Amino acid sequence: MAESLELIASEVRSCTKCPLHDAGRTHPVPGEGRHNAQIMFIGEGPGFHEDQSGRPFVGPSGNFLNEMLQMIGMRREDVFITNVVKCRPPGNRDPEQIEIDTCTQAYLHRQIELIDPKVIVTLGRYSMALWFPSARISHIHGKPRKVGKRLIVPFFHPAAALHQQSLRDTLLEDFKKLPEFVSQVAATWDSDSESEKPDDQPPQEAQQLSLF
């Protein structure tokens, strides 16, 4: 499995599938972390520091993420961290839809399938919109929702929290709940694996609409 993730990473590093490859990127940023992580963090796109290093969340927002992980007794090495788009949009602009669609279909969905996390934490509205396209992050942040067999937990982006104290406080409070969410969904997975029958599976659409 680790080799398969490395294959995806090598494809990302040589990718020319969308306009971002020709928009001044220094290094694409595939993502990093445990190949079988229970928690997967998905941000929006690389910033300046990430573009320079080829690693996700290594600038000020990454330092804040590291602090929050330490706060709940975890390390970067315990999780997998990546972004919706793997190359820095010029000037740190918002990623465009063609860039989001191309990158998620070519790489992100494959990473999720290989890692098979119990919990996906979306950081910011662009990753949140992959599962909740019509929602507002101010309304659903910190509220986990079951989508298929996974728990999707929308959080504010650490970069936004660094610029607004109220968002920082909110993100810290949301983050403190993460271990409980992981424990709850892990118990659900164990229960499902014992009783699961192919004909008894609820439709995916119904699962997406139910709060965990």
N, C-alpha and C. Protein backbone atom coordinates (compact mmCIF):
# COMPACT_ATOMS: atom_id res chain seq x y z
N MET A 1 0.82 -1.21 0.00
CA MET A 1 0.00 0.00 0.00
C MET A 1 0.86 1.26 0.00
N ALA A 2 1.93 1.25 0.84
CA ALA A 2 2.81 2.42 0.89
C ALA A 2 3.41 2.70 -0.48
N GLU A 3 3.76 1.62 -1.19
CA GLU A 3 4.31 1.80 -2.53
C GLU A 3 3.28 2.41 -3.47
N SER A 4 2.03 2.06 -3.31
CA SER A 4 0.97 2.62 -4.15
C SER A 4 0.80 4.11 -3.88
N LEU A 5 0.88 4.51 -2.62
CA LEU A 5 0.82 5.94 -2.30
C LEU A 5 2.03 6.66 -2.88
N GLU A 6 3.17 6.01 -2.86
CA GLU A 6 4.36 6.63 -3.45
C GLU A 6 4.21 6.73 -4.96
N LEU A 7 3.53 5.78 -5.57
CA LEU A 7 3.26 5.88 -7.00
C LEU A 7 2.40 7.10 -7.30
N ILE A 8 1.37 7.31 -6.50
CA ILE A 8 0.54 8.51 -6.68
C ILE A 8 1.38 9.75 -6.48
N ALA A 9 2.23 9.76 -5.46
CA ALA A 9 3.08 10.92 -5.21
C ALA A 9 4.00 11.20 -6.39
N SER A 10 4.55 10.16 -7.00
CA SER A 10 5.43 10.37 -8.15
C SER A 10 4.65 10.93 -9.34
N GLU A 11 3.40 10.49 -9.49
CA GLU A 11 2.56 11.04 -10.55
C GLU A 11 2.26 12.52 -10.30
N VAL A 12 1.99 12.85 -9.05
CA VAL A 12 1.74 14.26 -8.70
C VAL A 12 2.94 15.12 -9.03
N ARG A 13 4.13 14.63 -8.72
CA ARG A 13 5.34 15.44 -8.90
C ARG A 13 5.64 15.73 -10.37
N SER A 14 5.08 14.92 -11.26
CA SER A 14 5.31 15.16 -12.69
C SER A 14 4.02 15.54 -13.42
N CYS A 15 3.01 15.94 -12.66
CA CYS A 15 1.68 16.15 -13.24
C CYS A 15 1.61 17.38 -14.15
N THR A 16 0.93 17.22 -15.27
CA THR A 16 0.65 18.34 -16.18
C THR A 16 -0.82 18.34 -16.58
N LYS A 17 -1.69 17.81 -15.72
CA LYS A 17 -3.09 17.60 -16.07
C LYS A 17 -3.95 18.86 -16.02
N CYS A 18 -3.55 19.87 -15.27
CA CYS A 18 -4.35 21.10 -15.18
C CYS A 18 -3.45 22.32 -15.31
N PRO A 19 -4.01 23.51 -15.45
CA PRO A 19 -3.20 24.71 -15.67
C PRO A 19 -2.21 25.04 -14.56
N LEU A 20 -2.40 24.52 -13.36
CA LEU A 20 -1.50 24.86 -12.27
C LEU A 20 -0.07 24.40 -12.50
N HIS A 21 0.12 23.38 -13.33
CA HIS A 21 1.49 22.90 -13.55
C HIS A 21 2.33 23.94 -14.28
N ASP A 22 1.67 24.87 -14.97
CA ASP A 22 2.38 25.88 -15.75
C ASP A 22 2.17 27.27 -15.17
N ALA A 23 1.82 27.32 -13.87
CA ALA A 23 1.48 28.61 -13.25
C ALA A 23 2.51 29.03 -12.21
N GLY A 24 3.73 28.55 -12.35
CA GLY A 24 4.80 29.01 -11.48
C GLY A 24 5.05 28.15 -10.26
N ARG A 25 4.59 26.92 -10.28
CA ARG A 25 4.83 26.06 -9.12
C ARG A 25 6.33 25.75 -9.00
N THR A 26 6.78 25.57 -7.77
CA THR A 26 8.15 25.13 -7.53
C THR A 26 8.16 23.61 -7.32
N HIS A 27 7.36 23.17 -6.36
CA HIS A 27 7.25 21.73 -6.09
C HIS A 27 5.78 21.37 -5.89
N PRO A 28 5.27 20.38 -6.59
CA PRO A 28 3.95 19.84 -6.24
C PRO A 28 4.01 19.23 -4.83
N VAL A 29 2.85 19.13 -4.19
CA VAL A 29 2.79 18.66 -2.81
C VAL A 29 1.81 17.50 -2.70
N PRO A 30 2.29 16.26 -2.83
CA PRO A 30 1.38 15.11 -2.83
C PRO A 30 0.67 14.88 -1.50
N GLY A 31 1.35 15.14 -0.41
CA GLY A 31 0.85 14.81 0.92
C GLY A 31 1.80 13.86 1.61
N GLU A 32 1.59 13.66 2.91
CA GLU A 32 2.48 12.79 3.66
C GLU A 32 1.79 12.29 4.92
N GLY A 33 2.31 11.17 5.44
CA GLY A 33 1.80 10.63 6.68
C GLY A 33 1.70 9.12 6.64
N ARG A 34 0.99 8.56 7.60
CA ARG A 34 0.84 7.10 7.71
C ARG A 34 0.01 6.57 6.56
N HIS A 35 0.43 5.46 6.00
CA HIS A 35 -0.29 4.89 4.86
C HIS A 35 -1.61 4.25 5.28
N ASN A 36 -1.77 3.99 6.61
CA ASN A 36 -3.02 3.41 7.10
C ASN A 36 -3.61 4.26 8.22
N ALA A 37 -3.46 5.56 8.11
CA ALA A 37 -3.89 6.48 9.16
C ALA A 37 -5.40 6.41 9.39
N GLN A 38 -5.81 6.50 10.64
CA GLN A 38 -7.23 6.55 10.95
C GLN A 38 -7.82 7.91 10.62
N ILE A 39 -6.97 8.94 10.66
CA ILE A 39 -7.44 10.31 10.40
C ILE A 39 -6.69 10.87 9.20
N MET A 40 -7.43 11.45 8.29
CA MET A 40 -6.85 12.11 7.12
C MET A 40 -7.30 13.56 7.12
N PHE A 41 -6.34 14.47 7.07
CA PHE A 41 -6.63 15.90 7.00
C PHE A 41 -6.49 16.37 5.56
N ILE A 42 -7.49 17.09 5.08
CA ILE A 42 -7.47 17.59 3.70
C ILE A 42 -7.65 19.11 3.73
N GLY A 43 -6.59 19.82 3.35
CA GLY A 43 -6.66 21.27 3.25
C GLY A 43 -7.09 21.71 1.87
N GLU A 44 -6.76 22.93 1.50
CA GLU A 44 -7.22 23.49 0.24
C GLU A 44 -6.16 23.39 -0.84
N GLY A 45 -5.00 24.00 -0.61
CA GLY A 45 -3.92 23.96 -1.58
C GLY A 45 -2.63 24.42 -0.93
N PRO A 46 -1.49 24.08 -1.50
CA PRO A 46 -0.21 24.50 -0.93
C PRO A 46 -0.06 26.02 -0.93
N GLY A 47 0.60 26.52 0.10
CA GLY A 47 0.98 27.93 0.14
C GLY A 47 2.45 28.09 -0.24
N PHE A 48 3.01 29.24 0.07
CA PHE A 48 4.39 29.54 -0.30
C PHE A 48 5.37 28.52 0.27
N HIS A 49 5.28 28.28 1.57
CA HIS A 49 6.24 27.40 2.23
C HIS A 49 6.11 25.96 1.72
N GLU A 50 4.87 25.55 1.49
CA GLU A 50 4.63 24.20 0.99
C GLU A 50 5.17 24.04 -0.43
N ASP A 51 4.99 25.07 -1.24
CA ASP A 51 5.48 25.05 -2.61
C ASP A 51 7.01 24.98 -2.64
N GLN A 52 7.64 25.62 -1.68
CA GLN A 52 9.10 25.60 -1.64
C GLN A 52 9.64 24.25 -1.17
N SER A 53 8.94 23.60 -0.28
CA SER A 53 9.45 22.37 0.33
C SER A 53 8.89 21.10 -0.29
N GLY A 54 7.72 21.19 -0.93
CA GLY A 54 7.07 19.99 -1.44
C GLY A 54 6.34 19.20 -0.37
N ARG A 55 6.14 19.80 0.82
CA ARG A 55 5.47 19.13 1.93
C ARG A 55 4.24 19.92 2.34
N PRO A 56 3.18 19.25 2.80
CA PRO A 56 1.97 19.97 3.20
C PRO A 56 2.05 20.56 4.60
N PHE A 57 1.45 21.72 4.76
CA PHE A 57 1.30 22.35 6.08
C PHE A 57 2.62 22.44 6.83
N VAL A 58 3.56 23.20 6.27
CA VAL A 58 4.85 23.40 6.93
C VAL A 58 5.08 24.88 7.28
N GLY A 59 4.19 25.76 6.87
CA GLY A 59 4.29 27.17 7.22
C GLY A 59 3.61 27.45 8.55
N PRO A 60 3.22 28.70 8.80
CA PRO A 60 2.56 29.05 10.06
C PRO A 60 1.30 28.22 10.35
N SER A 61 0.49 27.98 9.32
CA SER A 61 -0.72 27.17 9.55
C SER A 61 -0.36 25.73 9.88
N GLY A 62 0.74 25.25 9.30
CA GLY A 62 1.20 23.91 9.63
C GLY A 62 1.71 23.81 11.06
N ASN A 63 2.40 24.86 11.51
CA ASN A 63 2.86 24.88 12.90
C ASN A 63 1.67 24.85 13.86
N PHE A 64 0.62 25.59 13.49
CA PHE A 64 -0.58 25.60 14.32
C PHE A 64 -1.25 24.23 14.32
N LEU A 65 -1.30 23.59 13.15
CA LEU A 65 -1.86 22.24 13.07
C LEU A 65 -1.06 21.28 13.95
N ASN A 66 0.26 21.37 13.90
CA ASN A 66 1.10 20.52 14.74
C ASN A 66 0.80 20.73 16.22
N GLU A 67 0.60 22.00 16.62
CA GLU A 67 0.28 22.32 18.01
C GLU A 67 -1.04 21.70 18.43
N MET A 68 -2.03 21.75 17.53
CA MET A 68 -3.33 21.18 17.86
C MET A 68 -3.28 19.67 17.93
N LEU A 69 -2.50 19.05 17.06
CA LEU A 69 -2.33 17.61 17.15
C LEU A 69 -1.67 17.23 18.48
N GLN A 70 -0.64 17.99 18.87
CA GLN A 70 0.02 17.72 20.14
C GLN A 70 -0.95 17.90 21.30
N MET A 71 -1.85 18.87 21.17
CA MET A 71 -2.84 19.14 22.22
C MET A 71 -3.72 17.92 22.50
N ILE A 72 -4.00 17.13 21.45
CA ILE A 72 -4.85 15.95 21.64
C ILE A 72 -4.03 14.66 21.68
N GLY A 73 -2.73 14.79 21.91
CA GLY A 73 -1.88 13.63 22.09
C GLY A 73 -1.50 12.91 20.82
N MET A 74 -1.45 13.64 19.69
CA MET A 74 -1.10 13.02 18.42
C MET A 74 0.07 13.75 17.79
N ARG A 75 0.64 13.12 16.75
CA ARG A 75 1.74 13.72 16.00
C ARG A 75 1.40 13.69 14.52
N ARG A 76 2.12 14.47 13.76
CA ARG A 76 1.93 14.44 12.30
C ARG A 76 2.09 13.02 11.75
N GLU A 77 3.03 12.29 12.34
CA GLU A 77 3.32 10.94 11.85
C GLU A 77 2.16 9.98 12.06
N ASP A 78 1.20 10.37 12.91
CA ASP A 78 0.06 9.49 13.20
C ASP A 78 -1.06 9.64 12.18
N VAL A 79 -1.05 10.70 11.38
CA VAL A 79 -2.16 11.01 10.48
C VAL A 79 -1.63 11.14 9.05
N PHE A 80 -2.53 11.36 8.12
CA PHE A 80 -2.12 11.67 6.75
C PHE A 80 -2.65 13.07 6.43
N ILE A 81 -1.79 13.89 5.83
CA ILE A 81 -2.12 15.28 5.54
C ILE A 81 -1.93 15.55 4.06
N THR A 82 -2.93 16.13 3.44
CA THR A 82 -2.81 16.49 2.03
C THR A 82 -3.73 17.67 1.74
N ASN A 83 -3.90 18.00 0.45
CA ASN A 83 -4.74 19.11 0.04
C ASN A 83 -5.64 18.70 -1.12
N VAL A 84 -6.65 19.50 -1.36
CA VAL A 84 -7.54 19.27 -2.50
C VAL A 84 -6.74 19.38 -3.80
N VAL A 85 -6.01 20.47 -3.97
CA VAL A 85 -5.13 20.61 -5.13
C VAL A 85 -3.69 20.48 -4.66
N LYS A 86 -2.86 19.89 -5.47
CA LYS A 86 -1.51 19.53 -5.07
C LYS A 86 -0.46 20.55 -5.47
N CYS A 87 -0.84 21.56 -6.25
CA CYS A 87 0.10 22.61 -6.65
C CYS A 87 -0.42 23.96 -6.16
N ARG A 88 0.51 24.85 -5.85
CA ARG A 88 0.12 26.16 -5.33
C ARG A 88 -0.54 27.01 -6.40
N PRO A 89 -1.77 27.47 -6.16
CA PRO A 89 -2.37 28.44 -7.07
C PRO A 89 -1.57 29.75 -7.01
N PRO A 90 -1.33 30.38 -8.15
CA PRO A 90 -0.50 31.59 -8.16
C PRO A 90 -1.08 32.68 -7.25
N GLY A 91 -0.18 33.29 -6.48
CA GLY A 91 -0.60 34.35 -5.58
C GLY A 91 -1.49 33.88 -4.45
N ASN A 92 -1.50 32.58 -4.21
CA ASN A 92 -2.37 31.99 -3.18
C ASN A 92 -3.85 32.25 -3.45
N ARG A 93 -4.21 32.41 -4.72
CA ARG A 93 -5.63 32.59 -5.05
C ARG A 93 -6.40 31.30 -4.74
N ASP A 94 -7.73 31.41 -4.73
CA ASP A 94 -8.56 30.24 -4.53
C ASP A 94 -8.38 29.28 -5.71
N PRO A 95 -8.41 27.98 -5.46
CA PRO A 95 -8.34 27.03 -6.58
C PRO A 95 -9.59 27.12 -7.45
N GLU A 96 -9.41 26.97 -8.74
CA GLU A 96 -10.53 27.01 -9.67
C GLU A 96 -11.14 25.63 -9.81
N GLN A 97 -12.40 25.60 -10.27
CA GLN A 97 -13.13 24.34 -10.27
C GLN A 97 -12.45 23.27 -11.13
N ILE A 98 -11.90 23.66 -12.27
CA ILE A 98 -11.25 22.67 -13.13
C ILE A 98 -10.02 22.08 -12.43
N GLU A 99 -9.36 22.89 -11.62
CA GLU A 99 -8.19 22.40 -10.87
C GLU A 99 -8.63 21.45 -9.77
N ILE A 100 -9.70 21.80 -9.09
CA ILE A 100 -10.24 20.94 -8.03
C ILE A 100 -10.70 19.61 -8.61
N ASP A 101 -11.48 19.68 -9.67
CA ASP A 101 -12.02 18.45 -10.27
C ASP A 101 -10.90 17.54 -10.77
N THR A 102 -9.92 18.13 -11.45
CA THR A 102 -8.83 17.34 -12.01
C THR A 102 -8.02 16.66 -10.91
N CYS A 103 -7.67 17.41 -9.89
CA CYS A 103 -6.80 16.89 -8.85
C CYS A 103 -7.50 15.85 -7.97
N THR A 104 -8.76 16.11 -7.65
CA THR A 104 -9.47 15.15 -6.81
C THR A 104 -9.69 13.84 -7.54
N GLN A 105 -10.06 13.91 -8.81
CA GLN A 105 -10.32 12.69 -9.57
C GLN A 105 -9.04 11.92 -9.87
N ALA A 106 -7.97 12.64 -10.15
CA ALA A 106 -6.71 11.97 -10.51
C ALA A 106 -5.96 11.45 -9.31
N TYR A 107 -6.06 12.15 -8.16
CA TYR A 107 -5.18 11.81 -7.05
C TYR A 107 -5.88 11.65 -5.70
N LEU A 108 -6.69 12.63 -5.30
CA LEU A 108 -7.23 12.61 -3.94
C LEU A 108 -8.13 11.41 -3.68
N HIS A 109 -9.02 11.10 -4.60
CA HIS A 109 -9.90 9.95 -4.40
C HIS A 109 -9.09 8.65 -4.28
N ARG A 110 -8.03 8.55 -5.04
CA ARG A 110 -7.17 7.36 -4.95
C ARG A 110 -6.46 7.29 -3.61
N GLN A 111 -6.01 8.43 -3.12
CA GLN A 111 -5.36 8.45 -1.81
C GLN A 111 -6.33 8.02 -0.71
N ILE A 112 -7.55 8.53 -0.76
CA ILE A 112 -8.54 8.16 0.24
C ILE A 112 -8.82 6.66 0.20
N GLU A 113 -8.95 6.13 -0.99
CA GLU A 113 -9.24 4.70 -1.14
C GLU A 113 -8.10 3.85 -0.57
N LEU A 114 -6.87 4.25 -0.83
CA LEU A 114 -5.72 3.47 -0.35
C LEU A 114 -5.54 3.57 1.16
N ILE A 115 -5.66 4.77 1.70
CA ILE A 115 -5.46 4.97 3.14
C ILE A 115 -6.65 4.42 3.92
N ASP A 116 -7.84 4.59 3.38
CA ASP A 116 -9.08 4.10 3.99
C ASP A 116 -9.24 4.61 5.41
N PRO A 117 -9.21 5.94 5.61
CA PRO A 117 -9.30 6.48 6.97
C PRO A 117 -10.71 6.33 7.55
N LYS A 118 -10.78 6.22 8.85
CA LYS A 118 -12.09 6.22 9.52
C LYS A 118 -12.68 7.63 9.55
N VAL A 119 -11.80 8.62 9.69
CA VAL A 119 -12.24 10.01 9.82
C VAL A 119 -11.49 10.88 8.81
N ILE A 120 -12.23 11.71 8.09
CA ILE A 120 -11.63 12.71 7.22
C ILE A 120 -11.96 14.08 7.80
N VAL A 121 -10.94 14.85 8.11
CA VAL A 121 -11.12 16.21 8.61
C VAL A 121 -10.86 17.17 7.45
N THR A 122 -11.87 17.93 7.09
CA THR A 122 -11.69 18.93 6.04
C THR A 122 -11.28 20.25 6.68
N LEU A 123 -10.26 20.85 6.15
CA LEU A 123 -9.73 22.12 6.67
C LEU A 123 -10.04 23.22 5.65
N GLY A 124 -11.07 23.99 5.92
CA GLY A 124 -11.46 25.04 4.99
C GLY A 124 -12.63 24.63 4.10
N ARG A 125 -13.17 25.61 3.39
CA ARG A 125 -14.43 25.39 2.68
C ARG A 125 -14.26 24.61 1.38
N TYR A 126 -13.09 24.62 0.78
CA TYR A 126 -12.95 23.91 -0.50
C TYR A 126 -12.92 22.40 -0.31
N SER A 127 -12.24 21.94 0.71
CA SER A 127 -12.28 20.50 0.99
C SER A 127 -13.64 20.10 1.56
N MET A 128 -14.23 20.96 2.39
CA MET A 128 -15.57 20.69 2.91
C MET A 128 -16.57 20.50 1.77
N ALA A 129 -16.45 21.31 0.71
CA ALA A 129 -17.41 21.30 -0.39
C ALA A 129 -17.38 20.00 -1.19
N LEU A 130 -16.32 19.20 -1.04
CA LEU A 130 -16.28 17.91 -1.73
C LEU A 130 -17.40 16.99 -1.23
N TRP A 131 -17.78 17.17 0.02
CA TRP A 131 -18.85 16.35 0.61
C TRP A 131 -20.13 17.15 0.85
N PHE A 132 -19.99 18.44 1.14
CA PHE A 132 -21.16 19.27 1.47
C PHE A 132 -21.14 20.53 0.60
N PRO A 133 -21.44 20.39 -0.69
CA PRO A 133 -21.26 21.50 -1.63
C PRO A 133 -22.14 22.70 -1.38
N SER A 134 -23.26 22.52 -0.73
CA SER A 134 -24.17 23.66 -0.52
C SER A 134 -24.12 24.20 0.90
N ALA A 135 -23.25 23.64 1.74
CA ALA A 135 -23.19 24.04 3.15
C ALA A 135 -22.28 25.25 3.35
N ARG A 136 -22.48 25.92 4.46
CA ARG A 136 -21.60 27.01 4.87
C ARG A 136 -20.78 26.53 6.06
N ILE A 137 -19.50 26.75 5.98
CA ILE A 137 -18.62 26.24 7.03
C ILE A 137 -18.95 26.86 8.39
N SER A 138 -19.45 28.08 8.39
CA SER A 138 -19.81 28.73 9.65
C SER A 138 -20.98 28.02 10.32
N HIS A 139 -21.75 27.26 9.56
CA HIS A 139 -22.91 26.56 10.10
C HIS A 139 -22.59 25.13 10.52
N ILE A 140 -21.66 24.47 9.85
CA ILE A 140 -21.46 23.04 10.10
C ILE A 140 -20.10 22.70 10.69
N HIS A 141 -19.25 23.69 10.96
CA HIS A 141 -17.92 23.38 11.49
C HIS A 141 -18.05 22.58 12.79
N GLY A 142 -17.18 21.59 12.93
CA GLY A 142 -17.14 20.80 14.15
C GLY A 142 -18.28 19.81 14.32
N LYS A 143 -19.15 19.69 13.30
CA LYS A 143 -20.29 18.78 13.39
C LYS A 143 -20.04 17.59 12.47
N PRO A 144 -19.70 16.45 13.03
CA PRO A 144 -19.37 15.28 12.20
C PRO A 144 -20.60 14.74 11.50
N ARG A 145 -20.38 14.21 10.32
CA ARG A 145 -21.47 13.60 9.56
C ARG A 145 -20.97 12.31 8.92
N LYS A 146 -21.77 11.28 9.02
CA LYS A 146 -21.43 9.99 8.45
C LYS A 146 -21.70 10.02 6.94
N VAL A 147 -20.69 9.70 6.16
CA VAL A 147 -20.83 9.59 4.71
C VAL A 147 -20.29 8.22 4.32
N GLY A 148 -21.17 7.33 3.93
CA GLY A 148 -20.75 5.96 3.72
C GLY A 148 -20.30 5.37 5.05
N LYS A 149 -19.12 4.79 5.09
CA LYS A 149 -18.61 4.22 6.34
C LYS A 149 -17.68 5.18 7.07
N ARG A 150 -17.46 6.36 6.51
CA ARG A 150 -16.53 7.31 7.09
C ARG A 150 -17.25 8.45 7.81
N LEU A 151 -16.51 9.08 8.70
CA LEU A 151 -16.98 10.28 9.36
C LEU A 151 -16.25 11.46 8.75
N ILE A 152 -17.01 12.43 8.25
CA ILE A 152 -16.43 13.65 7.69
C ILE A 152 -16.64 14.76 8.72
N VAL A 153 -15.53 15.42 9.11
CA VAL A 153 -15.60 16.46 10.14
C VAL A 153 -15.07 17.77 9.55
N PRO A 154 -15.95 18.73 9.31
CA PRO A 154 -15.49 20.00 8.74
C PRO A 154 -14.95 20.95 9.82
N PHE A 155 -13.75 21.43 9.60
CA PHE A 155 -13.11 22.41 10.48
C PHE A 155 -12.76 23.66 9.67
N PHE A 156 -12.63 24.77 10.38
CA PHE A 156 -12.05 25.96 9.75
C PHE A 156 -10.59 25.67 9.40
N HIS A 157 -10.08 26.39 8.42
CA HIS A 157 -8.68 26.22 8.03
C HIS A 157 -7.79 26.91 9.06
N PRO A 158 -6.68 26.28 9.45
CA PRO A 158 -5.78 26.92 10.42
C PRO A 158 -5.30 28.30 9.99
N ALA A 159 -5.11 28.52 8.68
CA ALA A 159 -4.65 29.83 8.22
C ALA A 159 -5.66 30.91 8.54
N ALA A 160 -6.95 30.60 8.37
CA ALA A 160 -7.99 31.58 8.71
C ALA A 160 -8.01 31.84 10.21
N ALA A 161 -7.81 30.78 10.99
CA ALA A 161 -7.83 30.92 12.44
C ALA A 161 -6.67 31.77 12.95
N LEU A 162 -5.55 31.74 12.23
CA LEU A 162 -4.41 32.55 12.65
C LEU A 162 -4.66 34.04 12.48
N HIS A 163 -5.60 34.40 11.62
CA HIS A 163 -5.87 35.81 11.35
C HIS A 163 -7.09 36.34 12.09
N GLN A 164 -7.79 35.47 12.80
CA GLN A 164 -9.00 35.92 13.49
C GLN A 164 -9.12 35.14 14.80
N GLN A 165 -9.02 35.84 15.92
CA GLN A 165 -8.96 35.18 17.22
C GLN A 165 -10.20 34.35 17.49
N SER A 166 -11.37 34.83 17.08
CA SER A 166 -12.60 34.08 17.35
C SER A 166 -12.59 32.74 16.62
N LEU A 167 -12.05 32.72 15.39
CA LEU A 167 -11.96 31.47 14.64
C LEU A 167 -10.92 30.55 15.27
N ARG A 168 -9.86 31.14 15.79
CA ARG A 168 -8.83 30.33 16.47
C ARG A 168 -9.44 29.60 17.67
N ASP A 169 -10.20 30.34 18.47
CA ASP A 169 -10.82 29.73 19.65
C ASP A 169 -11.80 28.63 19.24
N THR A 170 -12.56 28.90 18.17
CA THR A 170 -13.52 27.92 17.68
C THR A 170 -12.82 26.67 17.19
N LEU A 171 -11.75 26.84 16.41
CA LEU A 171 -11.02 25.70 15.88
C LEU A 171 -10.41 24.87 17.00
N LEU A 172 -9.88 25.52 18.02
CA LEU A 172 -9.30 24.79 19.15
C LEU A 172 -10.36 23.95 19.85
N GLU A 173 -11.53 24.54 20.05
CA GLU A 173 -12.61 23.80 20.71
C GLU A 173 -13.08 22.64 19.85
N ASP A 174 -13.20 22.86 18.54
CA ASP A 174 -13.60 21.77 17.64
C ASP A 174 -12.56 20.66 17.66
N PHE A 175 -11.30 21.03 17.64
CA PHE A 175 -10.21 20.06 17.55
C PHE A 175 -10.18 19.15 18.78
N LYS A 176 -10.53 19.71 19.94
CA LYS A 176 -10.50 18.92 21.17
C LYS A 176 -11.48 17.75 21.12
N LYS A 177 -12.49 17.85 20.27
CA LYS A 177 -13.51 16.79 20.17
C LYS A 177 -13.07 15.65 19.26
N LEU A 178 -11.99 15.84 18.53
CA LEU A 178 -11.59 14.87 17.51
C LEU A 178 -11.34 13.47 18.06
N PRO A 179 -10.63 13.30 19.18
CA PRO A 179 -10.43 11.94 19.69
C PRO A 179 -11.73 11.21 19.97
N GLU A 180 -12.73 11.93 20.47
CA GLU A 180 -14.02 11.31 20.74
C GLU A 180 -14.68 10.85 19.44
N PHE A 181 -14.58 11.68 18.40
CA PHE A 181 -15.16 11.31 17.11
C PHE A 181 -14.51 10.04 16.57
N VAL A 182 -13.18 9.96 16.70
CA VAL A 182 -12.45 8.79 16.21
C VAL A 182 -12.89 7.54 16.96
N SER A 183 -13.02 7.66 18.28
CA SER A 183 -13.45 6.50 19.08
C SER A 183 -14.84 6.05 18.70
N GLN A 184 -15.73 6.99 18.48
CA GLN A 184 -17.11 6.66 18.13
C GLN A 184 -17.20 5.95 16.79
N VAL A 185 -16.50 6.48 15.81
CA VAL A 185 -16.59 5.87 14.48
C VAL A 185 -15.85 4.54 14.44
N ALA A 186 -14.80 4.40 15.23
CA ALA A 186 -14.09 3.11 15.30
C ALA A 186 -15.01 2.03 15.85
N ALA A 187 -15.80 2.38 16.86
CA ALA A 187 -16.76 1.42 17.42
C ALA A 187 -17.82 1.06 16.39
N THR A 188 -18.23 2.04 15.60
CA THR A 188 -19.23 1.80 14.56
C THR A 188 -18.68 0.86 13.50
N TRP A 189 -17.41 1.07 13.10
CA TRP A 189 -16.77 0.19 12.11
C TRP A 189 -16.73 -1.25 12.63
N ASP A 190 -16.36 -1.40 13.91
CA ASP A 190 -16.26 -2.74 14.48
C ASP A 190 -17.62 -3.43 14.48
N SER A 191 -18.65 -2.67 14.84
CA SER A 191 -20.00 -3.22 14.86
C SER A 191 -20.47 -3.59 13.46
N ASP A 192 -20.18 -2.72 12.51
CA ASP A 192 -20.60 -2.97 11.13
C ASP A 192 -19.90 -4.20 10.56
N SER A 193 -18.62 -4.37 10.89
CA SER A 193 -17.87 -5.49 10.33
C SER A 193 -18.39 -6.82 10.84
N GLU A 194 -18.98 -6.82 12.05
CA GLU A 194 -19.51 -8.04 12.61
C GLU A 194 -20.88 -8.40 12.04
N SER A 195 -21.68 -7.37 11.73
CA SER A 195 -23.06 -7.62 11.34
C SER A 195 -23.35 -7.32 9.88
N GLU A 196 -22.35 -6.87 9.13
CA GLU A 196 -22.57 -6.39 7.77
C GLU A 196 -23.03 -7.51 6.85
N LYS A 197 -24.08 -7.25 6.11
CA LYS A 197 -24.57 -8.16 5.08
C LYS A 197 -24.79 -7.34 3.82
N PRO A 198 -24.40 -7.85 2.65
CA PRO A 198 -24.49 -7.06 1.43
C PRO A 198 -25.87 -6.51 1.14
N ASP A 199 -26.93 -7.28 1.44
CA ASP A 199 -28.28 -6.83 1.11
C ASP A 199 -28.83 -5.84 2.12
N ASP A 200 -28.12 -5.66 3.23
CA ASP A 200 -28.64 -4.79 4.28
C ASP A 200 -28.04 -3.39 4.25
N GLN A 201 -27.18 -3.10 3.28
CA GLN A 201 -26.50 -1.82 3.26
C GLN A 201 -27.44 -0.70 2.87
N PRO A 202 -27.51 0.38 3.69
CA PRO A 202 -28.37 1.51 3.33
C PRO A 202 -27.80 2.26 2.14
N PRO A 203 -28.63 2.94 1.39
CA PRO A 203 -28.15 3.69 0.23
C PRO A 203 -27.17 4.78 0.65
N GLN A 204 -26.19 5.04 -0.19
CA GLN A 204 -25.20 6.07 0.09
C GLN A 204 -25.85 7.43 0.31
N GLU A 205 -26.87 7.76 -0.47
CA GLU A 205 -27.52 9.07 -0.36
C GLU A 205 -28.09 9.25 1.04
N ALA A 206 -28.74 8.21 1.58
CA ALA A 206 -29.35 8.32 2.90
C ALA A 206 -28.30 8.53 3.97
N GLN A 207 -27.18 7.85 3.84
CA GLN A 207 -26.12 8.00 4.83
C GLN A 207 -25.56 9.42 4.84
N GLN A 208 -25.50 10.04 3.71
CA GLN A 208 -24.91 11.37 3.63
C GLN A 208 -25.76 12.41 4.35
N LEU A 209 -27.03 12.16 4.52
CA LEU A 209 -27.91 13.15 5.09
C LEU A 209 -28.10 12.98 6.59
N SER A 210 -27.53 11.93 7.17
CA SER A 210 -27.74 11.67 8.58
C SER A 210 -26.58 12.15 9.41
N LEU A 211 -26.88 12.89 10.46
CA LEU A 211 -25.84 13.31 11.38
C LEU A 211 -25.36 12.13 12.17
N PHE A 212 -24.04 12.12 12.47
CA PHE A 212 -23.47 10.99 13.21
C PHE A 212 -23.85 11.13 14.68
